[in-house]
Amino acid sequence: LTLSGGDPFLQAAECAALAQAARDRGLDVWTYTGWTYEQLL
């Protein structure tokens, strides 16, 4: 599953639930964002 946009982190709770559903099915998850990793942390 790839979450792109837009920016998925604007709807983080819902996107996290979708991402976890993908991982529960054995799929990997890629997420695109305009923020840096350090900013999100």
Full PDB file with SEQRES, HELIX, SHEET, SSBOND, CRYST1, ORIGX, SCALE, CONECT and MASTER records, all heavy atoms in Angstrom:
SEQRES   1 A   41  LEU THR LEU SER GLY GLY ASP PRO PHE LEU GLN ALA ALA          
SEQRES   2 A   41  GLU CYS ALA ALA LEU ALA GLN ALA ALA ARG ASP ARG GLY          
SEQRES   3 A   41  LEU ASP VAL TRP THR TYR THR GLY TRP THR TYR GLU GLN          
SEQRES   4 A   41  LEU LEU                                                      
HELIX    1 AA1 PRO A    8  GLN A   11  5                                   4    
HELIX    2 AA2 ALA A   12  ASP A   24  1                                  13    
HELIX    3 AA3 TYR A   37  LEU A   40  1                                   4    
SHEET    1 AA1 2 THR A   2  LEU A   3  0                                        
SHEET    2 AA1 2 TRP A  30  THR A  31  1                                        
CRYST1    1.000    1.000    1.000  90.00  90.00  90.00 P 1           1          
ORIGX1      1.000000  0.000000  0.000000        0.00000                         
ORIGX2      0.000000  1.000000  0.000000        0.00000                         
ORIGX3      0.000000  0.000000  1.000000        0.00000                         
SCALE1      1.000000  0.000000  0.000000        0.00000                         
SCALE2      0.000000  1.000000  0.000000        0.00000                         
SCALE3      0.000000  0.000000  1.000000        0.00000                         
ATOM      1  N   LEU A   1       0.862  -1.180   0.000  1.00  0.00           N  
ATOM      2  CA  LEU A   1       0.000   0.000   0.000  1.00  0.00           C  
ATOM      3  C   LEU A   1       0.900   1.233   0.000  1.00  0.00           C  
ATOM      4  O   LEU A   1       1.874   1.293   0.756  1.00  0.00           O  
ATOM      5  CB  LEU A   1      -0.881   0.019   1.248  1.00  0.00           C  
ATOM      6  CG  LEU A   1      -1.600   1.331   1.583  1.00  0.00           C  
ATOM      7  CD1 LEU A   1      -2.735   1.596   0.595  1.00  0.00           C  
ATOM      8  CD2 LEU A   1      -2.134   1.301   3.017  1.00  0.00           C  
ATOM      9  N   THR A   2       0.566   2.216  -0.840  1.00  0.00           N  
ATOM     10  CA  THR A   2       1.252   3.503  -0.817  1.00  0.00           C  
ATOM     11  C   THR A   2       0.250   4.590  -0.472  1.00  0.00           C  
ATOM     12  O   THR A   2      -0.803   4.691  -1.106  1.00  0.00           O  
ATOM     13  CB  THR A   2       1.914   3.812  -2.172  1.00  0.00           C  
ATOM     14  OG1 THR A   2       2.948   2.852  -2.413  1.00  0.00           O  
ATOM     15  CG2 THR A   2       2.526   5.203  -2.167  1.00  0.00           C  
ATOM     16  N   LEU A   3       0.575   5.394   0.528  1.00  0.00           N  
ATOM     17  CA  LEU A   3      -0.228   6.553   0.914  1.00  0.00           C  
ATOM     18  C   LEU A   3       0.467   7.789   0.378  1.00  0.00           C  
ATOM     19  O   LEU A   3       1.586   8.102   0.778  1.00  0.00           O  
ATOM     20  CB  LEU A   3      -0.365   6.617   2.437  1.00  0.00           C  
ATOM     21  CG  LEU A   3      -1.102   5.433   3.078  1.00  0.00           C  
ATOM     22  CD1 LEU A   3      -0.959   5.470   4.589  1.00  0.00           C  
ATOM     23  CD2 LEU A   3      -2.563   5.410   2.668  1.00  0.00           C  
ATOM     24  N   SER A   4      -0.192   8.467  -0.551  1.00  0.00           N  
ATOM     25  CA  SER A   4       0.385   9.648  -1.177  1.00  0.00           C  
ATOM     26  C   SER A   4      -0.609  10.786  -1.031  1.00  0.00           C  
ATOM     27  O   SER A   4      -1.478  10.762  -0.184  1.00  0.00           O  
ATOM     28  CB  SER A   4       0.718   9.336  -2.647  1.00  0.00           C  
ATOM     29  OG  SER A   4       1.440  10.384  -3.243  1.00  0.00           O  
ATOM     30  N   GLY A   5      -0.472  11.819  -1.846  1.00  0.00           N  
ATOM     31  CA  GLY A   5      -1.394  12.924  -1.657  1.00  0.00           C  
ATOM     32  C   GLY A   5      -1.232  14.019  -2.683  1.00  0.00           C  
ATOM     33  O   GLY A   5      -0.735  13.769  -3.781  1.00  0.00           O  
ATOM     34  N   GLY A   6      -1.638  15.197  -2.097  1.00  0.00           N  
ATOM     35  CA  GLY A   6      -1.952  15.496  -0.704  1.00  0.00           C  
ATOM     36  C   GLY A   6      -0.842  15.086   0.266  1.00  0.00           C  
ATOM     37  O   GLY A   6       0.234  14.688  -0.095  1.00  0.00           O  
ATOM     38  N   ASP A   7      -1.177  15.190   1.538  1.00  0.00           N  
ATOM     39  CA  ASP A   7      -0.267  14.699   2.569  1.00  0.00           C  
ATOM     40  C   ASP A   7      -1.036  13.818   3.535  1.00  0.00           C  
ATOM     41  O   ASP A   7      -1.925  14.295   4.257  1.00  0.00           O  
ATOM     42  CB  ASP A   7       0.389  15.857   3.326  1.00  0.00           C  
ATOM     43  CG  ASP A   7       1.629  15.397   4.084  1.00  0.00           C  
ATOM     44  OD1 ASP A   7       1.515  14.415   4.852  1.00  0.00           O  
ATOM     45  OD2 ASP A   7       2.697  16.010   3.916  1.00  0.00           O  
ATOM     46  N   PRO A   8      -0.720  12.521   3.596  1.00  0.00           N  
ATOM     47  CA  PRO A   8      -1.435  11.601   4.470  1.00  0.00           C  
ATOM     48  C   PRO A   8      -1.389  11.982   5.946  1.00  0.00           C  
ATOM     49  O   PRO A   8      -2.284  11.601   6.715  1.00  0.00           O  
ATOM     50  CB  PRO A   8      -0.727  10.269   4.225  1.00  0.00           C  
ATOM     51  CG  PRO A   8      -0.129  10.405   2.865  1.00  0.00           C  
ATOM     52  CD  PRO A   8       0.277  11.843   2.757  1.00  0.00           C  
ATOM     53  N   PHE A   9      -0.373  12.736   6.355  1.00  0.00           N  
ATOM     54  CA  PHE A   9      -0.247  13.078   7.768  1.00  0.00           C  
ATOM     55  C   PHE A   9      -1.267  14.127   8.209  1.00  0.00           C  
ATOM     56  O   PHE A   9      -1.389  14.399   9.400  1.00  0.00           O  
ATOM     57  CB  PHE A   9       1.180  13.512   8.091  1.00  0.00           C  
ATOM     58  CG  PHE A   9       2.122  12.340   8.194  1.00  0.00           C  
ATOM     59  CD1 PHE A   9       2.781  11.868   7.069  1.00  0.00           C  
ATOM     60  CD2 PHE A   9       2.315  11.683   9.402  1.00  0.00           C  
ATOM     61  CE1 PHE A   9       3.627  10.771   7.149  1.00  0.00           C  
ATOM     62  CE2 PHE A   9       3.161  10.589   9.500  1.00  0.00           C  
ATOM     63  CZ  PHE A   9       3.811  10.129   8.370  1.00  0.00           C  
ATOM     64  N   LEU A  10      -2.020  14.710   7.265  1.00  0.00           N  
ATOM     65  CA  LEU A  10      -3.144  15.570   7.645  1.00  0.00           C  
ATOM     66  C   LEU A  10      -4.322  14.749   8.146  1.00  0.00           C  
ATOM     67  O   LEU A  10      -5.197  15.279   8.832  1.00  0.00           O  
ATOM     68  CB  LEU A  10      -3.586  16.429   6.454  1.00  0.00           C  
ATOM     69  CG  LEU A  10      -2.722  17.627   6.080  1.00  0.00           C  
ATOM     70  CD1 LEU A  10      -3.392  18.407   4.963  1.00  0.00           C  
ATOM     71  CD2 LEU A  10      -2.482  18.534   7.283  1.00  0.00           C  
ATOM     72  N   GLN A  11      -4.363  13.475   7.785  1.00  0.00           N  
ATOM     73  CA  GLN A  11      -5.418  12.560   8.224  1.00  0.00           C  
ATOM     74  C   GLN A  11      -4.746  11.324   8.823  1.00  0.00           C  
ATOM     75  O   GLN A  11      -5.006  10.196   8.430  1.00  0.00           O  
ATOM     76  CB  GLN A  11      -6.319  12.181   7.049  1.00  0.00           C  
ATOM     77  CG  GLN A  11      -6.957  13.381   6.356  1.00  0.00           C  
ATOM     78  CD  GLN A  11      -7.791  12.973   5.162  1.00  0.00           C  
ATOM     79  OE1 GLN A  11      -8.926  12.512   5.308  1.00  0.00           O  
ATOM     80  NE2 GLN A  11      -7.237  13.146   3.969  1.00  0.00           N  
ATOM     81  N   ALA A  12      -3.882  11.597   9.772  1.00  0.00           N  
ATOM     82  CA  ALA A  12      -2.957  10.571  10.246  1.00  0.00           C  
ATOM     83  C   ALA A  12      -3.657   9.393  10.912  1.00  0.00           C  
ATOM     84  O   ALA A  12      -3.269   8.239  10.698  1.00  0.00           O  
ATOM     85  CB  ALA A  12      -1.946  11.190  11.205  1.00  0.00           C  
ATOM     86  N   ALA A  13      -4.679   9.641  11.721  1.00  0.00           N  
ATOM     87  CA  ALA A  13      -5.332   8.546  12.444  1.00  0.00           C  
ATOM     88  C   ALA A  13      -5.970   7.566  11.471  1.00  0.00           C  
ATOM     89  O   ALA A  13      -5.806   6.336  11.605  1.00  0.00           O  
ATOM     90  CB  ALA A  13      -6.376   9.096  13.411  1.00  0.00           C  
ATOM     91  N   GLU A  14      -6.690   8.095  10.488  1.00  0.00           N  
ATOM     92  CA  GLU A  14      -7.348   7.230   9.521  1.00  0.00           C  
ATOM     93  C   GLU A  14      -6.334   6.513   8.638  1.00  0.00           C  
ATOM     94  O   GLU A  14      -6.480   5.324   8.329  1.00  0.00           O  
ATOM     95  CB  GLU A  14      -8.318   8.048   8.663  1.00  0.00           C  
ATOM     96  CG  GLU A  14      -9.536   8.575   9.396  1.00  0.00           C  
ATOM     97  CD  GLU A  14      -9.230   9.769  10.293  1.00  0.00           C  
ATOM     98  OE1 GLU A  14      -8.140  10.374  10.136  1.00  0.00           O  
ATOM     99  OE2 GLU A  14     -10.064  10.090  11.160  1.00  0.00           O  
ATOM    100  N   CYS A  15      -5.297   7.234   8.227  1.00  0.00           N  
ATOM    101  CA  CYS A  15      -4.270   6.620   7.393  1.00  0.00           C  
ATOM    102  C   CYS A  15      -3.484   5.564   8.168  1.00  0.00           C  
ATOM    103  O   CYS A  15      -3.072   4.541   7.610  1.00  0.00           O  
ATOM    104  CB  CYS A  15      -3.335   7.685   6.829  1.00  0.00           C  
ATOM    105  SG  CYS A  15      -4.089   8.682   5.515  1.00  0.00           S  
ATOM    106  N   ALA A  16      -3.275   5.783   9.454  1.00  0.00           N  
ATOM    107  CA  ALA A  16      -2.593   4.787  10.274  1.00  0.00           C  
ATOM    108  C   ALA A  16      -3.412   3.510  10.360  1.00  0.00           C  
ATOM    109  O   ALA A  16      -2.866   2.397  10.322  1.00  0.00           O  
ATOM    110  CB  ALA A  16      -2.330   5.342  11.676  1.00  0.00           C  
ATOM    111  N   ALA A  17      -4.738   3.657  10.480  1.00  0.00           N  
ATOM    112  CA  ALA A  17      -5.607   2.482  10.534  1.00  0.00           C  
ATOM    113  C   ALA A  17      -5.562   1.715   9.219  1.00  0.00           C  
ATOM    114  O   ALA A  17      -5.513   0.477   9.204  1.00  0.00           O  
ATOM    115  CB  ALA A  17      -7.037   2.919  10.852  1.00  0.00           C  
ATOM    116  N   LEU A  18      -5.583   2.433   8.107  1.00  0.00           N  
ATOM    117  CA  LEU A  18      -5.495   1.777   6.799  1.00  0.00           C  
ATOM    118  C   LEU A  18      -4.142   1.100   6.625  1.00  0.00           C  
ATOM    119  O   LEU A  18      -4.052  -0.035   6.129  1.00  0.00           O  
ATOM    120  CB  LEU A  18      -5.738   2.812   5.698  1.00  0.00           C  
ATOM    121  CG  LEU A  18      -5.663   2.302   4.261  1.00  0.00           C  
ATOM    122  CD1 LEU A  18      -6.669   1.187   4.010  1.00  0.00           C  
ATOM    123  CD2 LEU A  18      -5.875   3.457   3.272  1.00  0.00           C  
ATOM    124  N   ALA A  19      -3.082   1.783   7.028  1.00  0.00           N  
ATOM    125  CA  ALA A  19      -1.743   1.212   6.920  1.00  0.00           C  
ATOM    126  C   ALA A  19      -1.622  -0.058   7.755  1.00  0.00           C  
ATOM    127  O   ALA A  19      -1.036  -1.054   7.316  1.00  0.00           O  
ATOM    128  CB  ALA A  19      -0.700   2.240   7.352  1.00  0.00           C  
ATOM    129  N   GLN A  20      -2.173  -0.038   8.958  1.00  0.00           N  
ATOM    130  CA  GLN A  20      -2.090  -1.224   9.802  1.00  0.00           C  
ATOM    131  C   GLN A  20      -2.889  -2.380   9.218  1.00  0.00           C  
ATOM    132  O   GLN A  20      -2.477  -3.543   9.300  1.00  0.00           O  
ATOM    133  CB  GLN A  20      -2.587  -0.903  11.213  1.00  0.00           C  
ATOM    134  CG  GLN A  20      -2.327  -2.014  12.214  1.00  0.00           C  
ATOM    135  CD  GLN A  20      -0.840  -2.377  12.313  1.00  0.00           C  
ATOM    136  OE1 GLN A  20       0.000  -1.488  12.438  1.00  0.00           O  
ATOM    137  NE2 GLN A  20      -0.524  -3.660  12.242  1.00  0.00           N  
ATOM    138  N   ALA A  21      -4.027  -2.067   8.587  1.00  0.00           N  
ATOM    139  CA  ALA A  21      -4.812  -3.111   7.921  1.00  0.00           C  
ATOM    140  C   ALA A  21      -4.002  -3.760   6.804  1.00  0.00           C  
ATOM    141  O   ALA A  21      -4.056  -4.979   6.596  1.00  0.00           O  
ATOM    142  CB  ALA A  21      -6.106  -2.525   7.371  1.00  0.00           C  
ATOM    143  N   ALA A  22      -3.231  -2.947   6.079  1.00  0.00           N  
ATOM    144  CA  ALA A  22      -2.376  -3.485   5.018  1.00  0.00           C  
ATOM    145  C   ALA A  22      -1.291  -4.387   5.597  1.00  0.00           C  
ATOM    146  O   ALA A  22      -1.044  -5.494   5.094  1.00  0.00           O  
ATOM    147  CB  ALA A  22      -1.753  -2.343   4.223  1.00  0.00           C  
ATOM    148  N   ARG A  23      -0.665  -3.942   6.655  1.00  0.00           N  
ATOM    149  CA  ARG A  23       0.406  -4.746   7.259  1.00  0.00           C  
ATOM    150  C   ARG A  23      -0.144  -6.037   7.861  1.00  0.00           C  
ATOM    151  O   ARG A  23       0.519  -7.076   7.821  1.00  0.00           O  
ATOM    152  CB  ARG A  23       1.138  -3.926   8.317  1.00  0.00           C  
ATOM    153  CG  ARG A  23       1.858  -2.716   7.727  1.00  0.00           C  
ATOM    154  CD  ARG A  23       2.716  -2.015   8.756  1.00  0.00           C  
ATOM    155  NE  ARG A  23       3.934  -2.769   9.020  1.00  0.00           N  
ATOM    156  CZ  ARG A  23       4.742  -2.520  10.043  1.00  0.00           C  
ATOM    157  NH1 ARG A  23       4.449  -1.551  10.892  1.00  0.00           N  
ATOM    158  NH2 ARG A  23       5.838  -3.212  10.219  1.00  0.00           N  
ATOM    159  N   ASP A  24      -1.361  -5.977   8.406  1.00  0.00           N  
ATOM    160  CA  ASP A  24      -1.998  -7.185   8.935  1.00  0.00           C  
ATOM    161  C   ASP A  24      -2.218  -8.215   7.835  1.00  0.00           C  
ATOM    162  O   ASP A  24      -2.357  -9.416   8.115  1.00  0.00           O  
ATOM    163  CB  ASP A  24      -3.343  -6.844   9.584  1.00  0.00           C  
ATOM    164  CG  ASP A  24      -3.193  -6.075  10.891  1.00  0.00           C  
ATOM    165  OD1 ASP A  24      -2.067  -6.058  11.448  1.00  0.00           O  
ATOM    166  OD2 ASP A  24      -4.180  -5.487  11.343  1.00  0.00           O  
ATOM    167  N   ARG A  25      -2.272  -7.750   6.597  1.00  0.00           N  
ATOM    168  CA  ARG A  25      -2.466  -8.638   5.448  1.00  0.00           C  
ATOM    169  C   ARG A  25      -1.145  -9.020   4.787  1.00  0.00           C  
ATOM    170  O   ARG A  25      -1.131  -9.575   3.688  1.00  0.00           O  
ATOM    171  CB  ARG A  25      -3.404  -7.958   4.444  1.00  0.00           C  
ATOM    172  CG  ARG A  25      -4.846  -7.929   4.914  1.00  0.00           C  
ATOM    173  CD  ARG A  25      -5.674  -6.850   4.248  1.00  0.00           C  
ATOM    174  NE  ARG A  25      -7.081  -6.966   4.583  1.00  0.00           N  
ATOM    175  CZ  ARG A  25      -7.609  -6.597   5.753  1.00  0.00           C  
ATOM    176  NH1 ARG A  25      -6.835  -6.083   6.695  1.00  0.00           N  
ATOM    177  NH2 ARG A  25      -8.896  -6.757   5.996  1.00  0.00           N  
ATOM    178  N   GLY A  26      -0.038  -8.696   5.431  1.00  0.00           N  
ATOM    179  CA  GLY A  26       1.272  -9.076   4.920  1.00  0.00           C  
ATOM    180  C   GLY A  26       1.820  -8.154   3.853  1.00  0.00           C  
ATOM    181  O   GLY A  26       2.783  -8.506   3.162  1.00  0.00           O  
ATOM    182  N   LEU A  27       1.220  -6.947   3.714  1.00  0.00           N  
ATOM    183  CA  LEU A  27       1.675  -5.989   2.718  1.00  0.00           C  
ATOM    184  C   LEU A  27       2.609  -4.968   3.354  1.00  0.00           C  
ATOM    185  O   LEU A  27       2.507  -4.682   4.547  1.00  0.00           O  
ATOM    186  CB  LEU A  27       0.476  -5.264   2.096  1.00  0.00           C  
ATOM    187  CG  LEU A  27      -0.594  -6.156   1.458  1.00  0.00           C  
ATOM    188  CD1 LEU A  27      -1.771  -5.313   1.003  1.00  0.00           C  
ATOM    189  CD2 LEU A  27      -0.014  -6.948   0.297  1.00  0.00           C  
ATOM    190  N   ASP A  28       3.520  -4.406   2.560  1.00  0.00           N  
ATOM    191  CA  ASP A  28       4.360  -3.331   3.082  1.00  0.00           C  
ATOM    192  C   ASP A  28       3.686  -1.989   2.812  1.00  0.00           C  
ATOM    193  O   ASP A  28       2.800  -1.882   1.965  1.00  0.00           O  
ATOM    194  CB  ASP A  28       5.770  -3.372   2.488  1.00  0.00           C  
ATOM    195  CG  ASP A  28       5.783  -3.188   0.977  1.00  0.00           C  
ATOM    196  OD1 ASP A  28       5.424  -2.087   0.507  1.00  0.00           O  
ATOM    197  OD2 ASP A  28       6.161  -4.134   0.256  1.00  0.00           O  
ATOM    198  N   VAL A  29       4.089  -0.966   3.556  1.00  0.00           N  
ATOM    199  CA  VAL A  29       3.451   0.349   3.478  1.00  0.00           C  
ATOM    200  C   VAL A  29       4.498   1.421   3.227  1.00  0.00           C  
ATOM    201  O   VAL A  29       5.480   1.531   3.972  1.00  0.00           O  
ATOM    202  CB  VAL A  29       2.678   0.673   4.776  1.00  0.00           C  
ATOM    203  CG1 VAL A  29       2.072   2.079   4.704  1.00  0.00           C  
ATOM    204  CG2 VAL A  29       1.583  -0.365   5.018  1.00  0.00           C  
ATOM    205  N   TRP A  30       4.264   2.211   2.173  1.00  0.00           N  
ATOM    206  CA  TRP A  30       5.066   3.396   1.890  1.00  0.00           C  
ATOM    207  C   TRP A  30       4.181   4.617   2.085  1.00  0.00           C  
ATOM    208  O   TRP A  30       3.023   4.628   1.646  1.00  0.00           O  
ATOM    209  CB  TRP A  30       5.584   3.377   0.450  1.00  0.00           C  
ATOM    210  CG  TRP A  30       6.741   2.446   0.211  1.00  0.00           C  
ATOM    211  CD1 TRP A  30       6.871   1.163   0.647  1.00  0.00           C  
ATOM    212  CD2 TRP A  30       7.916   2.737  -0.536  1.00  0.00           C  
ATOM    213  NE1 TRP A  30       8.057   0.633   0.219  1.00  0.00           N  
ATOM    214  CE2 TRP A  30       8.719   1.573  -0.515  1.00  0.00           C  
ATOM    215  CE3 TRP A  30       8.365   3.847  -1.235  1.00  0.00           C  
ATOM    216  CZ2 TRP A  30       9.957   1.505  -1.149  1.00  0.00           C  
ATOM    217  CZ3 TRP A  30       9.586   3.788  -1.882  1.00  0.00           C  
ATOM    218  CH2 TRP A  30      10.384   2.624  -1.836  1.00  0.00           C  
ATOM    219  N   THR A  31       4.729   5.651   2.736  1.00  0.00           N  
ATOM    220  CA  THR A  31       3.972   6.879   2.965  1.00  0.00           C  
ATOM    221  C   THR A  31       4.794   8.081   2.511  1.00  0.00           C  
ATOM    222  O   THR A  31       5.959   8.221   2.885  1.00  0.00           O  
ATOM    223  CB  THR A  31       3.604   7.037   4.450  1.00  0.00           C  
ATOM    224  OG1 THR A  31       2.862   5.885   4.887  1.00  0.00           O  
ATOM    225  CG2 THR A  31       2.735   8.279   4.657  1.00  0.00           C  
ATOM    226  N   TYR A  32       4.164   8.934   1.712  1.00  0.00           N  
ATOM    227  CA  TYR A  32       4.801  10.166   1.227  1.00  0.00           C  
ATOM    228  C   TYR A  32       4.347  11.340   2.088  1.00  0.00           C  
ATOM    229  O   TYR A  32       3.190  11.413   2.503  1.00  0.00           O  
ATOM    230  CB  TYR A  32       4.399  10.445  -0.226  1.00  0.00           C  
ATOM    231  CG  TYR A  32       5.081   9.567  -1.242  1.00  0.00           C  
ATOM    232  CD1 TYR A  32       4.728   8.219  -1.393  1.00  0.00           C  
ATOM    233  CD2 TYR A  32       6.079  10.073  -2.073  1.00  0.00           C  
ATOM    234  CE1 TYR A  32       5.346   7.409  -2.337  1.00  0.00           C  
ATOM    235  CE2 TYR A  32       6.705   9.269  -3.021  1.00  0.00           C  
ATOM    236  CZ  TYR A  32       6.331   7.937  -3.147  1.00  0.00           C  
ATOM    237  OH  TYR A  32       6.948   7.140  -4.082  1.00  0.00           O  
ATOM    238  N   THR A  33       5.256  12.273   2.343  1.00  0.00           N  
ATOM    239  CA  THR A  33       4.909  13.468   3.112  1.00  0.00           C  
ATOM    240  C   THR A  33       5.821  14.629   2.728  1.00  0.00           C  
ATOM    241  O   THR A  33       6.985  14.417   2.356  1.00  0.00           O  
ATOM    242  CB  THR A  33       5.022  13.226   4.625  1.00  0.00           C  
ATOM    243  OG1 THR A  33       4.651  14.431   5.333  1.00  0.00           O  
ATOM    244  CG2 THR A  33       6.431  12.836   5.039  1.00  0.00           C  
ATOM    245  N   GLY A  34       5.293  15.838   2.812  1.00  0.00           N  
ATOM    246  CA  GLY A  34       6.100  17.032   2.588  1.00  0.00           C  
ATOM    247  C   GLY A  34       6.871  17.459   3.816  1.00  0.00           C  
ATOM    248  O   GLY A  34       7.773  18.307   3.727  1.00  0.00           O  
ATOM    249  N   TRP A  35       6.525  16.908   4.983  1.00  0.00           N  
ATOM    250  CA  TRP A  35       7.312  17.164   6.183  1.00  0.00           C  
ATOM    251  C   TRP A  35       8.533  16.260   6.191  1.00  0.00           C  
ATOM    252  O   TRP A  35       8.549  15.215   5.535  1.00  0.00           O  
ATOM    253  CB  TRP A  35       6.487  16.904   7.436  1.00  0.00           C  
ATOM    254  CG  TRP A  35       5.512  17.984   7.763  1.00  0.00           C  
ATOM    255  CD1 TRP A  35       5.782  19.241   8.206  1.00  0.00           C  
ATOM    256  CD2 TRP A  35       4.079  17.908   7.645  1.00  0.00           C  
ATOM    257  NE1 TRP A  35       4.621  19.955   8.385  1.00  0.00           N  
ATOM    258  CE2 TRP A  35       3.560  19.164   8.050  1.00  0.00           C  
ATOM    259  CE3 TRP A  35       3.189  16.912   7.250  1.00  0.00           C  
ATOM    260  CZ2 TRP A  35       2.202  19.436   8.070  1.00  0.00           C  
ATOM    261  CZ3 TRP A  35       1.825  17.185   7.259  1.00  0.00           C  
ATOM    262  CH2 TRP A  35       1.341  18.438   7.661  1.00  0.00           C  
ATOM    263  N   THR A  36       9.548  16.635   6.916  1.00  0.00           N  
ATOM    264  CA  THR A  36      10.688  15.742   7.092  1.00  0.00           C  
ATOM    265  C   THR A  36      10.406  14.807   8.261  1.00  0.00           C  
ATOM    266  O   THR A  36       9.572  15.074   9.133  1.00  0.00           O  
ATOM    267  CB  THR A  36      11.988  16.516   7.364  1.00  0.00           C  
ATOM    268  OG1 THR A  36      11.881  17.188   8.637  1.00  0.00           O  
ATOM    269  CG2 THR A  36      12.270  17.523   6.256  1.00  0.00           C  
ATOM    270  N   TYR A  37      11.115  13.709   8.244  1.00  0.00           N  
ATOM    271  CA  TYR A  37      10.995  12.727   9.328  1.00  0.00           C  
ATOM    272  C   TYR A  37      11.280  13.380  10.673  1.00  0.00           C  
ATOM    273  O   TYR A  37      10.559  13.167  11.661  1.00  0.00           O  
ATOM    274  CB  TYR A  37      11.985  11.597   9.038  1.00  0.00           C  
ATOM    275  CG  TYR A  37      12.085  10.530  10.098  1.00  0.00           C  
ATOM    276  CD1 TYR A  37      10.963   9.854  10.549  1.00  0.00           C  
ATOM    277  CD2 TYR A  37      13.330  10.176  10.619  1.00  0.00           C  
ATOM    278  CE1 TYR A  37      11.075   8.850  11.503  1.00  0.00           C  
ATOM    279  CE2 TYR A  37      13.448   9.175  11.562  1.00  0.00           C  
ATOM    280  CZ  TYR A  37      12.316   8.515  12.003  1.00  0.00           C  
ATOM    281  OH  TYR A  37      12.428   7.526  12.938  1.00  0.00           O  
ATOM    282  N   GLU A  38      12.317  14.217  10.718  1.00  0.00           N  
ATOM    283  CA  GLU A  38      12.689  14.869  11.967  1.00  0.00           C  
ATOM    284  C   GLU A  38      11.579  15.800  12.470  1.00  0.00           C  
ATOM    285  O   GLU A  38      11.316  15.879  13.676  1.00  0.00           O  
ATOM    286  CB  GLU A  38      13.990  15.645  11.785  1.00  0.00           C  
ATOM    287  CG  GLU A  38      15.225  14.775  11.580  1.00  0.00           C  
ATOM    288  CD  GLU A  38      15.383  14.275  10.147  1.00  0.00           C  
ATOM    289  OE1 GLU A  38      14.575  14.665   9.272  1.00  0.00           O  
ATOM    290  OE2 GLU A  38      16.307  13.490   9.899  1.00  0.00           O  
ATOM    291  N   GLN A  39      10.928  16.508  11.553  1.00  0.00           N  
ATOM    292  CA  GLN A  39       9.825  17.390  11.946  1.00  0.00           C  
ATOM    293  C   GLN A  39       8.678  16.604  12.558  1.00  0.00           C  
ATOM    294  O   GLN A  39       8.090  17.006  13.569  1.00  0.00           O  
ATOM    295  CB  GLN A  39       9.329  18.176  10.726  1.00  0.00           C  
ATOM    296  CG  GLN A  39      10.267  19.275  10.278  1.00  0.00           C  
ATOM    297  CD  GLN A  39       9.827  19.904   8.966  1.00  0.00           C  
ATOM    298  OE1 GLN A  39       9.279  19.234   8.078  1.00  0.00           O  
ATOM    299  NE2 GLN A  39      10.067  21.199   8.805  1.00  0.00           N  
ATOM    300  N   LEU A  40       8.346  15.471  11.978  1.00  0.00           N  
ATOM    301  CA  LEU A  40       7.244  14.648  12.492  1.00  0.00           C  
ATOM    302  C   LEU A  40       7.575  14.101  13.870  1.00  0.00           C  
ATOM    303  O   LEU A  40       6.716  14.064  14.761  1.00  0.00           O  
ATOM    304  CB  LEU A  40       6.944  13.509  11.517  1.00  0.00           C  
ATOM    305  CG  LEU A  40       6.361  13.933  10.170  1.00  0.00           C  
ATOM    306  CD1 LEU A  40       6.358  12.746   9.211  1.00  0.00           C  
ATOM    307  CD2 LEU A  40       4.957  14.494  10.329  1.00  0.00           C  
ATOM    308  N   LEU A  41       8.810  13.686  14.068  1.00  0.00           N  
ATOM    309  CA  LEU A  41       9.211  13.177  15.381  1.00  0.00           C  
ATOM    310  C   LEU A  41       9.194  14.275  16.436  1.00  0.00           C  
ATOM    311  O   LEU A  41       8.700  14.087  17.541  1.00  0.00           O  
ATOM    312  CB  LEU A  41      10.609  12.564  15.315  1.00  0.00           C  
ATOM    313  CG  LEU A  41      10.769  11.202  14.631  1.00  0.00           C  
ATOM    314  CD1 LEU A  41      12.209  10.742  14.750  1.00  0.00           C  
ATOM    315  CD2 LEU A  41       9.831  10.169  15.223  1.00  0.00           C  
TER     316      LEU A  41                                                      
MASTER        0    0    0    3    2    0    0    6  315    1    0    4          
END                                                                             
